[in-house]
Structures are given as C-alpha cells and as structure tokens.
Protein backbone atom coordinates (compact mmCIF):
# COMPACT_ATOMS: atom_id res chain seq x y z
CA MET A 1 -43.47 -4.87 -41.40
CA ASN A 2 -40.93 -4.71 -38.59
CA ALA A 3 -41.33 -1.96 -36.03
CA LEU A 4 -38.43 0.49 -35.86
CA VAL A 5 -36.39 -0.10 -32.75
CA ASP A 6 -35.56 3.00 -30.71
CA LEU A 7 -31.82 2.41 -30.64
CA PRO A 8 -30.87 5.04 -28.03
CA ALA A 9 -33.29 3.39 -25.61
CA LEU A 10 -31.43 0.08 -25.68
CA LYS A 11 -29.60 -0.55 -22.44
CA ALA A 12 -25.84 -0.21 -22.72
CA GLU A 13 -25.17 -3.63 -21.28
CA THR A 14 -27.28 -5.30 -24.02
CA ILE A 15 -25.24 -3.87 -26.92
CA TRP A 16 -22.72 -6.03 -28.76
CA ARG A 17 -19.10 -4.92 -28.36
CA ASP A 18 -16.30 -6.07 -30.59
CA ASP A 19 -14.49 -7.82 -27.74
CA GLU A 20 -17.12 -10.54 -28.28
CA PRO A 21 -16.97 -12.68 -31.47
CA LEU A 22 -19.69 -12.89 -34.08
CA GLU A 23 -21.38 -16.23 -34.65
CA CYS A 24 -22.47 -17.06 -38.19
CA CYS A 25 -26.17 -17.94 -38.27
CA SER A 26 -26.91 -18.08 -42.02
CA ALA A 27 -25.30 -18.20 -45.47
CA VAL A 28 -27.60 -17.26 -48.34
CA PRO A 29 -26.44 -17.28 -52.02
CA GLU A 30 -27.37 -14.05 -53.82
CA ALA A 31 -25.67 -14.23 -57.24
CA PRO A 32 -22.64 -15.93 -58.79
CA ASP A 33 -19.84 -15.84 -56.17
CA VAL A 34 -22.00 -13.68 -53.88
CA VAL A 35 -23.29 -14.77 -50.46
CA THR A 36 -24.99 -12.95 -47.61
CA PHE A 37 -23.70 -14.10 -44.21
CA GLY A 38 -25.78 -13.40 -41.12
CA PHE A 39 -24.29 -13.11 -37.63
CA VAL A 40 -25.58 -13.00 -34.07
CA SER A 41 -23.81 -12.33 -30.79
CA PRO A 42 -23.22 -15.51 -28.74
CA SER A 43 -24.37 -13.68 -25.61
CA GLY A 44 -27.61 -12.52 -27.20
CA ALA A 45 -26.57 -8.87 -27.20
CA LEU A 46 -28.20 -6.50 -29.69
CA PHE A 47 -26.41 -4.53 -32.39
CA ARG A 48 -26.26 -0.75 -32.61
CA TYR A 49 -24.79 1.02 -35.64
CA GLU A 50 -25.74 3.45 -38.39
CA PRO A 51 -27.02 2.37 -41.82
CA GLY A 52 -24.08 2.21 -44.23
CA GLN A 53 -21.35 1.45 -41.68
CA PHE A 54 -18.89 -1.45 -41.97
CA VAL A 55 -17.28 -4.16 -39.84
CA THR A 56 -13.84 -5.70 -40.13
CA LEU A 57 -13.62 -9.48 -39.83
CA GLU A 58 -10.65 -11.67 -38.96
CA LEU A 59 -10.63 -14.57 -41.42
CA PRO A 60 -8.52 -17.68 -40.67
CA VAL A 61 -7.14 -18.30 -44.15
CA PRO A 62 -4.29 -20.75 -44.82
CA GLY A 63 -0.96 -19.13 -44.03
CA GLY A 64 -2.30 -16.94 -41.25
CA PRO A 65 -5.36 -14.81 -40.48
CA VAL A 66 -6.25 -11.70 -42.50
CA TRP A 67 -8.57 -8.82 -41.69
CA ARG A 68 -11.12 -7.78 -44.30
CA THR A 69 -13.63 -4.92 -44.20
CA TYR A 70 -17.24 -5.36 -45.35
CA THR A 71 -20.18 -2.97 -45.38
CA LEU A 72 -23.12 -4.17 -43.32
CA SER A 73 -26.01 -5.00 -45.64
CA SER A 74 -28.40 -5.31 -42.70
CA SER A 75 -30.26 -2.45 -41.04
CA PRO A 76 -29.86 -1.16 -37.46
CA SER A 77 -33.64 -1.11 -37.24
CA ARG A 78 -33.39 -4.91 -36.93
CA PRO A 79 -30.84 -5.24 -34.09
CA LEU A 80 -31.06 -8.98 -33.38
CA SER A 81 -28.44 -9.76 -36.05
CA VAL A 82 -26.13 -8.23 -38.62
CA SER A 83 -25.23 -9.35 -42.11
CA VAL A 84 -22.57 -8.75 -44.74
CA THR A 85 -23.04 -9.46 -48.45
CA VAL A 86 -19.70 -10.38 -49.99
CA LYS A 87 -18.51 -11.03 -53.53
CA ALA A 88 -15.41 -13.11 -54.30
CA GLN A 89 -13.24 -11.75 -57.10
CA SER A 90 -10.76 -13.86 -59.06
CA ASP A 91 -7.92 -12.80 -56.74
CA SER A 92 -9.90 -12.88 -53.48
CA VAL A 93 -8.32 -14.57 -50.48
CA GLY A 94 -10.46 -13.71 -47.46
CA THR A 95 -13.78 -13.53 -49.27
CA ARG A 96 -13.09 -16.78 -51.12
CA TRP A 97 -12.41 -18.44 -47.77
CA MET A 98 -15.79 -17.18 -46.52
CA LEU A 99 -17.65 -18.62 -49.51
CA ASP A 100 -15.85 -21.94 -49.30
CA HIS A 101 -15.65 -22.49 -45.54
CA LEU A 102 -17.77 -20.14 -43.40
CA ARG A 103 -20.89 -21.92 -42.16
CA PRO A 104 -23.53 -21.40 -39.44
CA GLY A 105 -22.16 -22.03 -35.98
CA MET A 106 -18.64 -20.78 -36.75
CA ARG A 107 -17.35 -17.75 -34.86
CA LEU A 108 -15.14 -14.88 -36.06
CA ARG A 109 -13.40 -12.02 -34.36
CA ALA A 110 -14.61 -8.63 -35.53
CA LYS A 111 -13.95 -4.91 -35.14
CA GLY A 112 -16.47 -2.12 -35.46
CA PRO A 113 -18.99 -1.08 -36.57
CA ALA A 114 -17.41 2.08 -38.01
CA GLY A 115 -17.54 4.40 -41.00
CA ILE A 116 -18.85 7.81 -42.07
CA PHE A 117 -20.83 6.76 -45.16
CA THR A 118 -24.12 6.84 -43.29
CA LEU A 119 -27.58 8.35 -43.35
CA PRO A 120 -28.62 11.13 -40.97
CA THR A 121 -30.87 8.83 -38.95
CA ARG A 122 -33.37 11.44 -37.76
CA GLU A 123 -33.74 13.67 -40.84
CA LYS A 124 -36.54 13.39 -43.39
CA ASN A 125 -34.58 13.90 -46.61
CA LYS A 126 -35.18 12.78 -50.17
CA TYR A 127 -32.54 10.29 -51.28
CA LEU A 128 -31.09 8.90 -54.49
CA PHE A 129 -29.04 5.72 -54.01
CA ILE A 130 -26.81 4.82 -56.97
CA SER A 131 -24.74 1.63 -56.93
CA ALA A 132 -23.00 -0.93 -59.11
CA GLY A 133 -22.04 -4.54 -58.44
CA SER A 134 -21.43 -5.35 -54.78
CA GLY A 135 -21.57 -1.62 -54.08
CA VAL A 136 -25.27 -2.24 -53.48
CA THR A 137 -24.55 -3.35 -49.89
CA PRO A 138 -24.92 0.09 -48.24
CA THR A 139 -28.00 0.65 -50.39
CA LEU A 140 -29.53 -2.52 -48.91
CA SER A 141 -28.81 -1.29 -45.39
CA MET A 142 -30.06 2.25 -45.96
CA THR A 143 -33.16 1.25 -47.92
CA THR A 144 -34.16 -1.32 -45.30
CA TYR A 145 -33.74 1.30 -42.59
CA LEU A 146 -35.96 3.75 -44.48
CA PHE A 147 -38.44 0.96 -45.26
CA ASP A 148 -38.78 0.25 -41.56
CA ARG A 149 -39.37 3.95 -40.92
CA ALA A 150 -42.12 3.84 -43.58
CA THR A 151 -43.77 7.23 -43.02
CA ASP A 152 -40.51 9.16 -43.51
CA VAL A 153 -39.25 7.43 -46.64
CA ASP A 154 -38.69 9.05 -50.05
CA VAL A 155 -35.95 7.19 -51.87
CA THR A 156 -35.08 6.34 -55.46
CA VAL A 157 -32.78 3.34 -55.89
CA VAL A 158 -30.71 2.85 -59.06
CA HIS A 159 -28.58 -0.29 -59.21
CA CYS A 160 -26.34 -1.21 -62.15
CA ALA A 161 -25.10 -4.70 -63.01
CA ARG A 162 -23.57 -6.50 -65.95
CA ARG A 163 -26.53 -8.90 -66.32
CA PRO A 164 -29.87 -9.39 -64.55
CA GLY A 165 -28.53 -12.56 -62.94
CA ASP A 166 -25.75 -10.49 -61.33
CA ILE A 167 -28.13 -8.17 -59.49
CA ILE A 168 -27.44 -8.49 -55.76
CA GLY A 169 -30.30 -8.11 -53.31
CA ARG A 170 -32.88 -7.92 -56.07
CA HIS A 171 -35.64 -9.79 -54.25
CA LEU A 172 -35.21 -7.79 -51.04
CA LEU A 173 -35.32 -4.49 -52.89
CA GLU A 174 -38.36 -5.55 -54.92
CA HIS A 175 -40.10 -6.71 -51.73
CA MET A 176 -39.67 -3.28 -50.12
CA ALA A 177 -40.56 -1.30 -53.25
CA ALA A 178 -43.73 -3.37 -53.68
CA ARG A 179 -44.92 -2.42 -50.19
CA VAL A 180 -43.85 1.22 -49.88
CA PRO A 181 -44.80 3.28 -52.96
CA ALA A 182 -42.30 6.01 -52.02
CA ILE A 183 -39.44 3.57 -52.67
CA LYS A 184 -38.78 3.74 -56.42
CA LEU A 185 -36.58 0.96 -57.77
CA TYR A 186 -34.70 0.79 -61.08
CA PHE A 187 -32.18 -1.71 -62.43
CA LEU A 188 -29.78 -0.96 -65.29
CA VAL A 189 -27.89 -3.81 -67.00
CA GLU A 190 -25.34 -3.91 -69.82
CA GLU A 191 -26.23 -7.35 -71.19
CA ASP A 192 -29.17 -9.77 -71.16
CA ASP A 193 -29.03 -13.20 -69.54
CA PRO A 194 -29.10 -15.88 -72.25
CA PHE A 195 -32.63 -17.15 -72.95
CA ARG A 196 -34.14 -14.76 -70.38
CA VAL A 197 -36.34 -11.74 -71.13
CA TRP A 198 -35.26 -8.42 -69.62
CA THR A 199 -37.70 -5.49 -69.85
CA GLY A 200 -35.78 -2.99 -67.75
CA PHE A 201 -33.15 -0.42 -68.65
CA ARG A 202 -30.09 -1.38 -70.69
CA GLY A 203 -26.79 0.45 -71.09
CA ARG A 204 -24.56 2.46 -68.81
CA PHE A 205 -25.41 5.15 -66.31
CA ASN A 206 -25.45 8.59 -67.96
CA GLN A 207 -27.36 11.87 -68.10
CA LEU A 208 -30.24 10.42 -70.11
CA VAL A 209 -30.72 7.51 -67.71
CA LEU A 210 -30.63 9.83 -64.72
CA GLY A 211 -33.23 12.11 -66.27
CA LEU A 212 -35.56 9.22 -67.07
CA ILE A 213 -35.23 7.56 -63.67
CA ALA A 214 -35.02 10.49 -61.27
CA GLY A 215 -36.05 13.75 -62.87
CA ASP A 216 -36.02 15.41 -59.45
CA TYR A 217 -32.38 14.48 -58.74
CA LEU A 218 -31.56 18.11 -57.88
CA GLU A 219 -33.81 17.77 -54.83
CA ARG A 220 -32.21 14.57 -53.54
CA ASP A 221 -29.15 13.69 -51.48
CA VAL A 222 -27.08 11.23 -53.51
CA TYR A 223 -25.32 8.21 -51.98
CA CYS A 224 -23.10 6.30 -54.41
CA CYS A 225 -21.03 3.13 -54.08
CA GLY A 226 -19.26 0.98 -56.66
CA PRO A 227 -15.97 0.67 -58.55
CA GLU A 228 -14.07 3.96 -58.85
CA PRO A 229 -14.59 4.32 -62.66
CA PHE A 230 -18.34 3.95 -62.08
CA MET A 231 -18.39 6.51 -59.27
CA GLN A 232 -16.33 8.92 -61.37
CA ALA A 233 -18.89 8.62 -64.17
CA VAL A 234 -21.68 9.35 -61.69
CA ARG A 235 -19.82 12.37 -60.30
CA GLU A 236 -19.14 13.77 -63.77
CA THR A 237 -22.75 13.26 -64.79
CA LEU A 238 -24.03 15.14 -61.74
CA GLN A 239 -21.47 17.93 -62.11
CA SER A 240 -22.35 18.43 -65.77
CA LEU A 241 -26.01 18.85 -64.81
CA GLY A 242 -25.39 21.47 -62.14
CA TYR A 243 -25.93 19.26 -59.12
CA ASP A 244 -24.81 20.61 -55.73
CA MET A 245 -21.92 18.23 -55.03
CA ALA A 246 -21.99 19.16 -51.34
CA ARG A 247 -24.99 16.80 -51.21
CA TYR A 248 -23.07 13.95 -52.87
CA HIS A 249 -21.67 11.11 -50.73
CA GLN A 250 -19.70 8.06 -51.81
CA GLU A 251 -18.07 4.94 -50.37
CA SER A 252 -15.07 3.34 -52.03
CA PHE A 253 -14.70 -0.39 -52.67
CA VAL A 254 -11.12 -0.28 -51.46
CA ALA A 255 -10.84 2.45 -48.87
CA PRO A 256 -13.72 2.80 -46.40
CA VAL A 257 -12.84 5.46 -43.83
CA GLU A 258 -13.71 5.70 -40.15
CA THR A 259 -13.62 9.49 -39.63
CA GLU A 260 -14.12 12.65 -41.67
CA ALA A 261 -10.43 13.45 -41.19
CA ASP A 262 -9.50 10.26 -43.05
CA ALA A 263 -11.70 11.04 -46.05
CA VAL A 264 -9.89 12.08 -49.24
CA PRO A 265 -12.06 14.10 -51.67
CA PRO A 266 -12.20 12.81 -55.25
CA ASP A 267 -9.52 14.31 -57.46
CA ASP A 268 -11.85 15.14 -60.35
CA VAL A 269 -11.19 17.62 -63.12
CA ALA A 270 -14.18 19.95 -63.37
CA PRO A 271 -14.57 22.83 -65.85
CA ASP A 272 -14.51 26.27 -64.23
CA ALA A 273 -16.59 29.10 -65.68
CA GLU A 274 -14.01 31.62 -64.45
CA THR A 275 -10.97 29.91 -66.05
CA THR A 276 -9.97 30.67 -69.63
CA ALA A 277 -9.00 28.02 -72.20
CA GLN A 278 -7.71 28.05 -75.75
CA VAL A 279 -8.78 25.89 -78.67
CA ALA A 280 -6.75 25.55 -81.85
CA PHE A 281 -8.30 23.97 -84.96
CA ALA A 282 -5.43 22.41 -86.90
CA ALA A 283 -7.08 21.83 -90.29
CA SER A 284 -8.60 25.31 -90.64
CA GLY A 285 -5.91 27.24 -88.78
CA ALA A 286 -8.49 28.96 -86.57
CA ARG A 287 -7.86 29.71 -82.90
CA ALA A 288 -10.26 30.85 -80.22
CA GLN A 289 -10.18 31.78 -76.57
CA CYS A 290 -13.04 30.67 -74.36
CA VAL A 291 -13.79 29.51 -70.83
CA GLU A 292 -13.62 25.94 -69.61
CA THR A 293 -17.40 25.55 -69.49
CA ASP A 294 -17.76 26.17 -73.25
CA THR A 295 -18.06 23.09 -75.45
CA ILE A 296 -15.66 22.44 -78.31
CA LEU A 297 -18.67 22.53 -80.66
CA ALA A 298 -19.75 25.98 -79.44
CA VAL A 299 -16.19 27.30 -79.71
CA ALA A 300 -15.89 25.90 -83.25
CA ARG A 301 -19.10 27.59 -84.35
CA SER A 302 -18.02 30.93 -82.91
CA ALA A 303 -14.70 30.61 -84.76
CA GLY A 304 -16.39 29.76 -88.06
CA VAL A 305 -15.23 26.13 -88.04
CA VAL A 306 -17.81 23.60 -89.23
CA ILE A 307 -18.06 20.39 -87.22
CA PRO A 308 -21.05 18.23 -88.24
CA SER A 309 -23.43 17.65 -85.34
CA GLY A 310 -26.77 16.04 -84.62
CA CYS A 311 -28.28 15.55 -81.19
CA THR A 312 -25.80 17.88 -79.36
CA PHE A 313 -26.26 15.68 -76.29
CA GLY A 314 -23.58 13.03 -76.67
CA VAL A 315 -25.83 10.32 -78.11
CA CYS A 316 -25.54 10.19 -81.89
CA GLY A 317 -21.77 10.51 -82.32
CA THR A 318 -22.06 12.81 -85.37
CA CYS A 319 -19.68 15.41 -83.93
CA LYS A 320 -16.81 12.97 -83.28
CA VAL A 321 -13.46 14.65 -83.92
CA ARG A 322 -9.88 13.78 -83.05
CA LYS A 323 -8.13 15.62 -80.24
CA LEU A 324 -4.48 16.16 -81.20
CA SER A 325 -3.29 17.52 -77.87
CA GLY A 326 -4.47 18.88 -74.55
CA GLN A 327 -7.18 17.79 -72.14
CA VAL A 328 -10.96 17.95 -72.35
CA HIS A 329 -13.71 17.13 -69.88
CA MET A 330 -16.22 14.92 -71.71
CA VAL A 331 -19.50 13.62 -70.28
CA HIS A 332 -21.33 11.77 -73.04
CA ASN A 333 -24.39 9.55 -73.31
CA GLY A 334 -23.09 6.62 -75.31
CA GLY A 335 -22.18 8.28 -78.60
CA ILE A 336 -18.54 7.18 -78.45
CA THR A 337 -16.76 4.00 -77.40
CA ASP A 338 -14.01 3.60 -74.84
CA GLU A 339 -11.73 2.43 -77.66
CA ASP A 340 -12.38 5.65 -79.59
CA VAL A 341 -11.56 7.72 -76.51
CA GLU A 342 -8.30 5.82 -76.04
CA ASP A 343 -7.45 6.59 -79.68
CA GLY A 344 -7.90 10.32 -79.09
CA TRP A 345 -11.45 10.88 -80.36
CA ILE A 346 -13.92 13.15 -78.55
CA LEU A 347 -17.48 14.32 -79.04
CA ALA A 348 -17.36 18.06 -79.67
CA CYS A 349 -20.87 18.66 -78.35
CA CYS A 350 -20.10 17.51 -74.81
CA SER A 351 -16.33 18.07 -74.52
CA LYS A 352 -15.06 21.13 -72.66
CA PRO A 353 -11.46 22.35 -72.96
CA ILE A 354 -9.13 22.34 -69.96
CA GLY A 355 -6.27 24.72 -70.74
CA ALA A 356 -4.91 24.62 -74.31
CA VAL A 357 -6.44 22.05 -76.69
CA GLU A 358 -5.80 21.29 -80.37
CA ILE A 359 -8.51 19.71 -82.51
CA ASP A 360 -8.21 18.15 -85.97
CA ALA A 361 -10.88 20.31 -87.61
C-alpha cells in the first residue's frame, strides 16, 4: 500500500503549476469508449490538489483547439502523476480526439486543478459515494485517497451502469475493497452482458436499493456524480427518507464549478409539511384538503375514496391511478414505468400533492 504523502510539506518549488504542460505517460482502456490517460510534469514536479477536483485541457482538434474539463480520477496521495478517465459520447469532439490521437509522450496545455466538489482532507467522516456512468471519476479519486489513509476510512461505494461491461474503474475499486474491509463496494446494473453471469444488484437506484446497500445512510456524507436525471433521482430518494440534505454534495457532468459562489443549488420540488394542498377525486366527486407531505393514497382513504393498494412502497404498482391535472412529487421503487408517467399515471402510495391536484378516482 502506498504511504500517504504529507502534501503541505512538499516544497513550493516542486509543485506543478499550470504554466507547464502535462505530458501523457499512459493510456489504459477501461470500458467501451472509455480510457484513463495518465500525465506527468516534464520537469518532474509533483502534483498538489484535493480529491474530486478537475483540470481543463487544451485539445488540438481539427479546426482549432478546444478546452475541455475533466475530473481527476487519480488521488493527491500519489503526487508523481495525475490521471483523467474520459468517455467519448456520440457527439464528442475533444474526448474523441483524445481516444483517437492522444498517446504517451504527447504534451497538452492545462489549467487547474480547481473545483469545490472535494473531500475535507483532514476529517474522519463516514461517506457514501453514489455515481453513474463516467460520474465514477471523483469516486475513484476520493476512494483511492481514503484507501491510502487506511486507518481513517469508512466509505460505502455505489456505482450504477447499464451493463457490467460498462463499469468504469471496476478492477481498481475491487482491489481497494478487497484490502480494506471498511470500503464497501456495490455495483448496480440495468442489463446483463450477453453470455455473462452477473450476481450483483439489478435495476435502478431507489429507496429499496439504498436500504439494502447502506442502511446507515443517515450517518454518512453523500457525494454524488452522474447525469442530471440520475442525480435528481438520488436527491429525491434521500429527501423522501428524511436525509439531511446539508450533507449532500454533487458534481454535474456539464457544469463543474470553481468556487462556492458559482454553485447553483438544484431546483428540486420538495413537499413541505407546512404547505397545504388540495386533492379532487373526479370519479367520486370527493375533495380533501391536506398538506404536501401527505400521500394521495392517505388522502383518498381519509376522504372515503377507495384506491386499491398493495405494498404501499412504490413496488407493486397496484395503486396506479391517472392524474388529470396538477403536480405531484413521486418517489417510487419500480412499480411504474417512465412511459406510464409520461401518460399521466402515478402511484398513489408514494405521490404527494403539490398545490391543487385532480385524480381520476
């Protein structure tokens, strides 16, 4: 195991500054269209940054250079080099150039490191890292940093991918979890790889998955990174379970920020126990006043309206009803499809009214 470098003790003149280029020293395939690129400083300077920060690279693509920002997947506890793990999308320009052309020995201009999505490097907290797709990159940096600290680590890692073959950094994460028992590692996939056995979790992240994987989530600081719909689902899951969102931190795929002043809080709709709402049941003619934290099912029962129900936890789908108008906040556990939601259906057991709502019941 690598010893943790005391970063403040490094001499100032040995630290890499972004007026010096980065020299590519490795290119390692991770998954389809995903490569980890390692960099060193040509002068031999060391790197100082915080786990979870990003760098911005100038990429000499045809038609003129572009600047692209990537989270560092390496850890500051290993200051001889830095790495970024990048995934090329169908419309990628800069990242596609990296996969097709960037090779060891080539040099790039860079800016940084920067960013506020970081760990408190001296505190001994309990952490829950939740990521999807290439959003695993800060998880790799943070987990490696905690792994190198060893005695201070208490982290649960949950990474979601479409298929097992799409899991980025799997071998590195398994290596660390196998050697430090306090690193708990879980993968969640939506589909199997053809002709491959998968014995882990299947499905999408929800309340049930969170409870099975990290029953002590209320005690942990949460760090989340992935596509915005995924992060919104994580936020709504935590909010619905009474998590203290002041301990929730996230990094966006598209808008990493350098300072707290630049950070824009998520514009989520959250039910408020002090705000009243109204539910009208069109078929029965009943109406009821409630608060936004009441479920449609509970309001229906109090108004004498019968809506069939089963699990009451968003799994079975028995209580599916059509919403005719208004807005509800629904956090379910797989009992309804995205297509049903688009068509106006909700699950009464886990839908909470925001303002005035009309239900076909």
